[in-house]
Amino acid sequence: MTDTPVDSTHASRMQQLLLSSPDLAEFLEGFTHLMASALSMQERTVWCAVTVLRHPKAATVASNSAQAAVLDEIQASFGHGPCLQAATTQSMIYLADVHTDPRWPDYNKVAAAHGVHSILAAPFDLGAEASASLNVFTDQPRGFDEAAMRTVQHEVERASDALRLAVRLAQHRQTEEDLGAAMVSRTTIDVAVGILMGRYGHSQDEAVTFLKNASNGRNVKLRDLAEEIVRSVNHTPAATHFNHSTPRTTAIPPLPAQPANSKATRRP
């Protein structure tokens, strides 16, 4: 069987996909649909999925059909197979016929039961960022010739450049989100300490100790207790910026008695 390489229209669609996808998952989902469409022919149906390895497990992150997702998930449950092999060894794996190929016989038997005859797996080149592969299944034996394999390899290489950048951006966004959450948590605690200082006449150290003792006594996280105190005054969470509005004087939620050695006297 002779395949025609992906044409200029397909290449243009790939460029549009790279530019328009807002996140990694959507890009990969679109990529699997694009590849399945490019490789399917009148006599051959193709399903595609993308597997990402996160030690020690593999996960299917995108597919063009439920059948492709199932085939990938079954392989992950076995812990071995052509797609995992391609991702870990960074080499293309081709099973011309799952009925006769001696590799991974347990998985091949299941794949055959799902109507698969040929499997082609191509690794994404993500460097140290991650390991992943595009997994292509077809219902025809010897379903992919050299032209089809070159097409898959070429498109995966092109997608790898975008994927490396997307993974780095995703990691950067996660770092920013973690930092933002830490800043919000710190702000909430600082505001709660300020409320205790103003309400009870505590010093900063006494207010911090009082808040920690209350957190332990009520068996709640320090940040959650601080947020409860802030809400009791403003009815809104603390923000990382401040305005000059006058806080409401709603009572602070009941807290455990302050330490016996505290110099401050709690107001009634």
Protein backbone atom coordinates (compact mmCIF):
# COMPACT_ATOMS: atom_id res chain seq x y z
CA MET A 1 0.00 0.00 0.00
CA THR A 2 1.43 3.40 -0.99
CA ASP A 3 0.66 6.52 0.99
CA THR A 4 0.92 10.13 -0.08
CA PRO A 5 2.88 12.42 2.27
CA VAL A 6 0.90 15.07 4.12
CA ASP A 7 0.13 17.89 1.71
CA SER A 8 0.45 21.67 2.12
CA THR A 9 -3.16 21.99 3.29
CA HIS A 10 -2.45 19.63 6.16
CA ALA A 11 0.75 21.54 6.99
CA SER A 12 -1.21 24.77 7.10
CA ARG A 13 -3.77 23.19 9.43
CA MET A 14 -0.92 22.09 11.70
CA GLN A 15 0.38 25.65 11.89
CA GLN A 16 -3.10 26.94 12.69
CA LEU A 17 -3.45 24.30 15.39
CA LEU A 18 -0.13 25.32 16.97
CA LEU A 19 -1.17 28.97 17.02
CA SER A 20 -4.78 28.59 18.14
CA SER A 21 -4.63 25.94 20.87
CA PRO A 22 -4.87 27.62 24.30
CA ASP A 23 -3.30 24.74 26.21
CA LEU A 24 -1.35 21.52 25.86
CA ALA A 25 -4.34 19.17 26.14
CA GLU A 26 -6.28 20.91 23.38
CA PHE A 27 -3.26 20.97 21.10
CA LEU A 28 -2.69 17.22 21.52
CA GLU A 29 -6.37 16.47 21.04
CA GLY A 30 -6.37 18.42 17.79
CA PHE A 31 -3.11 16.77 16.74
CA THR A 32 -4.57 13.25 17.09
CA HIS A 33 -7.60 14.20 15.00
CA LEU A 34 -5.38 15.79 12.38
CA MET A 35 -3.11 12.76 12.13
CA ALA A 36 -5.99 10.27 12.02
CA SER A 37 -7.59 12.26 9.22
CA ALA A 38 -4.32 12.49 7.27
CA LEU A 39 -3.53 8.76 7.56
CA SER A 40 -7.00 7.29 7.08
CA MET A 41 -7.84 6.08 3.56
CA GLN A 42 -10.84 4.46 1.92
CA GLU A 43 -9.50 1.00 2.73
CA ARG A 44 -7.94 1.87 6.07
CA THR A 45 -9.38 3.34 9.28
CA VAL A 46 -6.89 4.90 11.67
CA TRP A 47 -7.18 5.78 15.37
CA CYS A 48 -4.61 7.92 17.19
CA ALA A 49 -3.73 8.59 20.80
CA VAL A 50 -0.93 10.27 22.73
CA THR A 51 0.65 8.61 25.76
CA VAL A 52 2.69 10.60 28.26
CA LEU A 53 4.96 8.84 30.75
CA ARG A 54 5.06 10.22 34.25
CA HIS A 55 7.24 7.84 36.23
CA PRO A 56 6.22 5.26 37.15
CA LYS A 57 2.89 5.44 35.30
CA ALA A 58 1.67 6.14 31.78
CA ALA A 59 -1.37 8.24 30.97
CA THR A 60 -3.41 8.80 27.81
CA VAL A 61 -3.70 12.55 27.47
CA ALA A 62 -5.40 12.83 24.07
CA SER A 63 -7.09 10.69 21.41
CA ASN A 64 -9.22 11.10 18.34
CA SER A 65 -11.68 8.41 19.43
CA ALA A 66 -12.85 6.39 22.41
CA GLN A 67 -11.39 3.25 20.82
CA ALA A 68 -7.90 4.79 20.64
CA ALA A 69 -8.15 5.86 24.28
CA VAL A 70 -9.20 2.36 25.34
CA LEU A 71 -6.35 0.74 23.42
CA ASP A 72 -3.88 3.09 25.09
CA GLU A 73 -5.30 2.58 28.57
CA ILE A 74 -5.21 -1.20 28.17
CA GLN A 75 -1.55 -0.99 27.21
CA ALA A 76 -0.82 1.17 30.26
CA SER A 77 -2.51 -1.45 32.45
CA PHE A 78 -0.13 -4.10 31.10
CA GLY A 79 2.82 -1.80 31.75
CA HIS A 80 4.43 -2.63 28.41
CA GLY A 81 3.71 -2.46 24.70
CA PRO A 82 4.78 -0.71 21.49
CA CYS A 83 3.67 2.77 22.55
CA LEU A 84 5.44 2.65 25.91
CA GLN A 85 8.50 1.16 24.24
CA ALA A 86 8.61 4.00 21.71
CA ALA A 87 8.37 6.65 24.42
CA THR A 88 11.02 5.12 26.67
CA THR A 89 13.55 4.19 23.95
CA GLN A 90 12.90 7.20 21.70
CA SER A 91 12.59 4.94 18.66
CA MET A 92 9.76 4.25 16.25
CA ILE A 93 8.03 0.90 16.80
CA TYR A 94 6.04 -0.85 14.08
CA LEU A 95 3.92 -3.97 14.43
CA ALA A 96 2.92 -4.96 10.89
CA ASP A 97 0.44 -7.55 12.17
CA VAL A 98 -0.47 -8.07 15.83
CA HIS A 99 -1.55 -11.64 14.99
CA THR A 100 1.97 -12.70 14.03
CA ASP A 101 4.35 -10.28 15.78
CA PRO A 102 5.97 -12.12 18.72
CA ARG A 103 6.49 -9.00 20.84
CA TRP A 104 4.00 -8.20 23.62
CA PRO A 105 1.73 -11.19 22.89
CA ASP A 106 -0.66 -10.46 25.76
CA TYR A 107 -1.31 -6.91 24.58
CA ASN A 108 -1.42 -7.94 20.91
CA LYS A 109 -4.18 -10.43 21.69
CA VAL A 110 -6.30 -7.74 23.32
CA ALA A 111 -5.60 -5.25 20.51
CA ALA A 112 -6.67 -7.83 17.93
CA ALA A 113 -9.90 -8.38 19.85
CA HIS A 114 -10.57 -4.63 19.45
CA GLY A 115 -10.19 -4.83 15.65
CA VAL A 116 -6.56 -3.69 15.43
CA HIS A 117 -4.18 -5.30 12.94
CA SER A 118 -1.25 -2.84 12.75
CA ILE A 119 0.28 -0.46 15.29
CA LEU A 120 2.77 2.33 14.68
CA ALA A 121 4.23 4.26 17.63
CA ALA A 122 6.44 7.34 17.20
CA PRO A 123 8.16 9.14 20.10
CA PHE A 124 8.00 12.88 20.65
CA ASP A 125 11.42 14.43 21.18
CA LEU A 126 10.87 16.31 24.42
CA GLY A 127 14.40 16.12 25.77
CA ALA A 128 14.45 16.07 29.56
CA GLU A 129 10.99 17.63 29.81
CA ALA A 130 8.95 14.41 29.52
CA SER A 131 8.46 11.19 27.53
CA ALA A 132 5.56 10.74 25.13
CA SER A 133 4.55 8.95 21.94
CA LEU A 134 1.96 9.18 19.21
CA ASN A 135 0.22 5.82 18.88
CA VAL A 136 -1.43 4.98 15.56
CA PHE A 137 -3.73 1.96 15.22
CA THR A 138 -5.32 0.62 12.04
CA ASP A 139 -7.73 -2.14 11.13
CA GLN A 140 -5.53 -3.35 8.24
CA PRO A 141 -2.56 -5.75 8.44
CA ARG A 142 0.70 -4.21 7.17
CA GLY A 143 -1.20 -0.95 7.26
CA PHE A 144 1.74 1.44 7.10
CA ASP A 145 4.44 1.55 4.46
CA GLU A 146 7.66 3.57 4.52
CA ALA A 147 5.93 6.67 3.17
CA ALA A 148 3.35 6.58 5.98
CA MET A 149 6.05 6.07 8.59
CA ARG A 150 8.03 9.03 7.22
CA THR A 151 4.87 11.12 7.37
CA VAL A 152 4.23 10.19 11.00
CA GLN A 153 7.86 10.79 11.97
CA HIS A 154 7.94 14.16 10.23
CA GLU A 155 4.74 15.40 11.86
CA VAL A 156 5.75 14.15 15.31
CA GLU A 157 9.09 15.95 14.97
CA ARG A 158 7.28 19.16 14.06
CA ALA A 159 4.89 18.77 16.96
CA SER A 160 7.76 18.05 19.36
CA ASP A 161 9.06 21.61 19.07
CA ALA A 162 5.70 23.01 20.11
CA LEU A 163 5.28 20.38 22.82
CA ARG A 164 8.61 21.18 24.45
CA LEU A 165 7.62 24.82 24.66
CA ALA A 166 4.11 23.96 25.89
CA VAL A 167 5.46 21.69 28.64
CA ARG A 168 7.86 24.38 29.82
CA LEU A 169 5.10 26.99 29.80
CA ALA A 170 2.78 24.64 31.69
CA GLN A 171 5.48 24.05 34.31
CA HIS A 172 6.09 27.79 34.55
CA ARG A 173 2.36 28.46 34.99
CA GLN A 174 2.19 25.81 37.71
CA THR A 175 5.11 27.45 39.51
CA GLU A 176 3.38 30.82 39.27
CA GLU A 177 0.12 29.33 40.57
CA ASP A 178 1.92 27.69 43.49
CA LEU A 179 3.68 30.97 44.29
CA GLY A 180 0.41 32.88 43.99
CA ALA A 181 -1.33 30.47 46.36
CA ALA A 182 1.51 30.82 48.85
CA MET A 183 1.30 34.62 48.63
CA VAL A 184 -2.47 34.56 49.20
CA SER A 185 -2.02 32.23 52.17
CA ARG A 186 0.68 34.46 53.66
CA THR A 187 -1.45 37.56 53.12
CA THR A 188 -4.46 35.96 54.79
CA ILE A 189 -2.41 34.99 57.85
CA ASP A 190 -0.82 38.45 58.06
CA VAL A 191 -4.22 40.17 57.91
CA ALA A 192 -5.61 37.84 60.58
CA VAL A 193 -2.62 38.62 62.83
CA GLY A 194 -3.30 42.32 62.33
CA ILE A 195 -6.94 41.85 63.30
CA LEU A 196 -5.95 40.04 66.50
CA MET A 197 -3.41 42.75 67.33
CA GLY A 198 -6.00 45.47 66.91
CA ARG A 199 -8.85 43.67 68.64
CA TYR A 200 -7.03 42.15 71.62
CA GLY A 201 -4.03 44.43 72.02
CA HIS A 202 -1.57 41.63 71.21
CA SER A 203 1.96 42.24 70.04
CA GLN A 204 2.74 40.67 66.67
CA ASP A 205 4.49 37.69 68.29
CA GLU A 206 1.60 37.19 70.75
CA ALA A 207 -0.93 37.35 67.91
CA VAL A 208 0.99 34.75 65.90
CA THR A 209 1.26 32.46 68.94
CA PHE A 210 -2.43 32.96 69.70
CA LEU A 211 -3.36 32.06 66.12
CA LYS A 212 -1.18 28.94 66.13
CA ASN A 213 -2.62 27.78 69.47
CA ALA A 214 -6.14 28.34 68.15
CA SER A 215 -5.30 26.38 65.01
CA ASN A 216 -4.02 23.45 67.07
CA GLY A 217 -6.88 23.64 69.53
CA ARG A 218 -9.54 23.54 66.83
CA ASN A 219 -7.57 21.09 64.65
CA VAL A 220 -7.84 23.27 61.55
CA LYS A 221 -5.18 24.56 59.18
CA LEU A 222 -3.63 27.89 60.11
CA ARG A 223 -4.56 29.41 56.76
CA ASP A 224 -8.21 28.22 57.08
CA LEU A 225 -8.54 29.72 60.54
CA ALA A 226 -6.95 32.95 59.37
CA GLU A 227 -9.41 33.12 56.47
CA GLU A 228 -12.30 32.57 58.88
CA ILE A 229 -11.14 35.50 61.00
CA VAL A 230 -10.73 37.77 57.98
CA ARG A 231 -14.16 36.82 56.63
CA SER A 232 -15.75 37.60 59.99
CA VAL A 233 -14.54 41.18 59.63
CA ASN A 234 -14.76 41.87 55.90
CA HIS A 235 -17.03 39.05 54.63
CA THR A 236 -14.51 38.62 51.80
CA PRO A 237 -11.20 36.76 51.55
CA ALA A 238 -7.98 38.67 52.06
CA ALA A 239 -6.38 39.93 48.85
CA THR A 240 -2.75 40.60 48.06
CA HIS A 241 -3.52 44.31 47.68
CA PHE A 242 -5.14 46.69 50.16
CA ASN A 243 -7.65 49.50 49.97
CA HIS A 244 -8.66 52.16 52.46
CA SER A 245 -12.22 51.05 53.14
CA THR A 246 -13.23 50.88 56.79
CA PRO A 247 -13.57 47.27 58.00
CA ARG A 248 -16.82 46.11 59.50
CA THR A 249 -16.82 45.33 63.20
CA THR A 250 -18.42 41.92 63.07
CA ALA A 251 -17.36 39.72 66.00
CA ILE A 252 -14.39 37.44 65.47
CA PRO A 253 -15.31 33.72 65.64
CA PRO A 254 -14.84 32.09 69.05
CA LEU A 255 -11.23 31.11 69.65
CA PRO A 256 -9.56 29.17 72.47
CA ALA A 257 -8.53 31.23 75.48
CA GLN A 258 -5.25 33.07 75.00
CA PRO A 259 -2.15 31.65 76.71
CA ALA A 260 -1.97 32.18 80.47
CA ASN A 261 1.30 34.08 80.18
CA SER A 262 -0.06 36.53 77.61
CA LYS A 263 0.37 40.15 78.65
CA ALA A 264 -2.73 41.30 76.78
CA THR A 265 -6.17 41.33 78.33
CA ARG A 266 -8.93 40.01 76.09
CA ARG A 267 -11.81 42.43 75.79
CA PRO A 268 -15.27 41.14 76.61
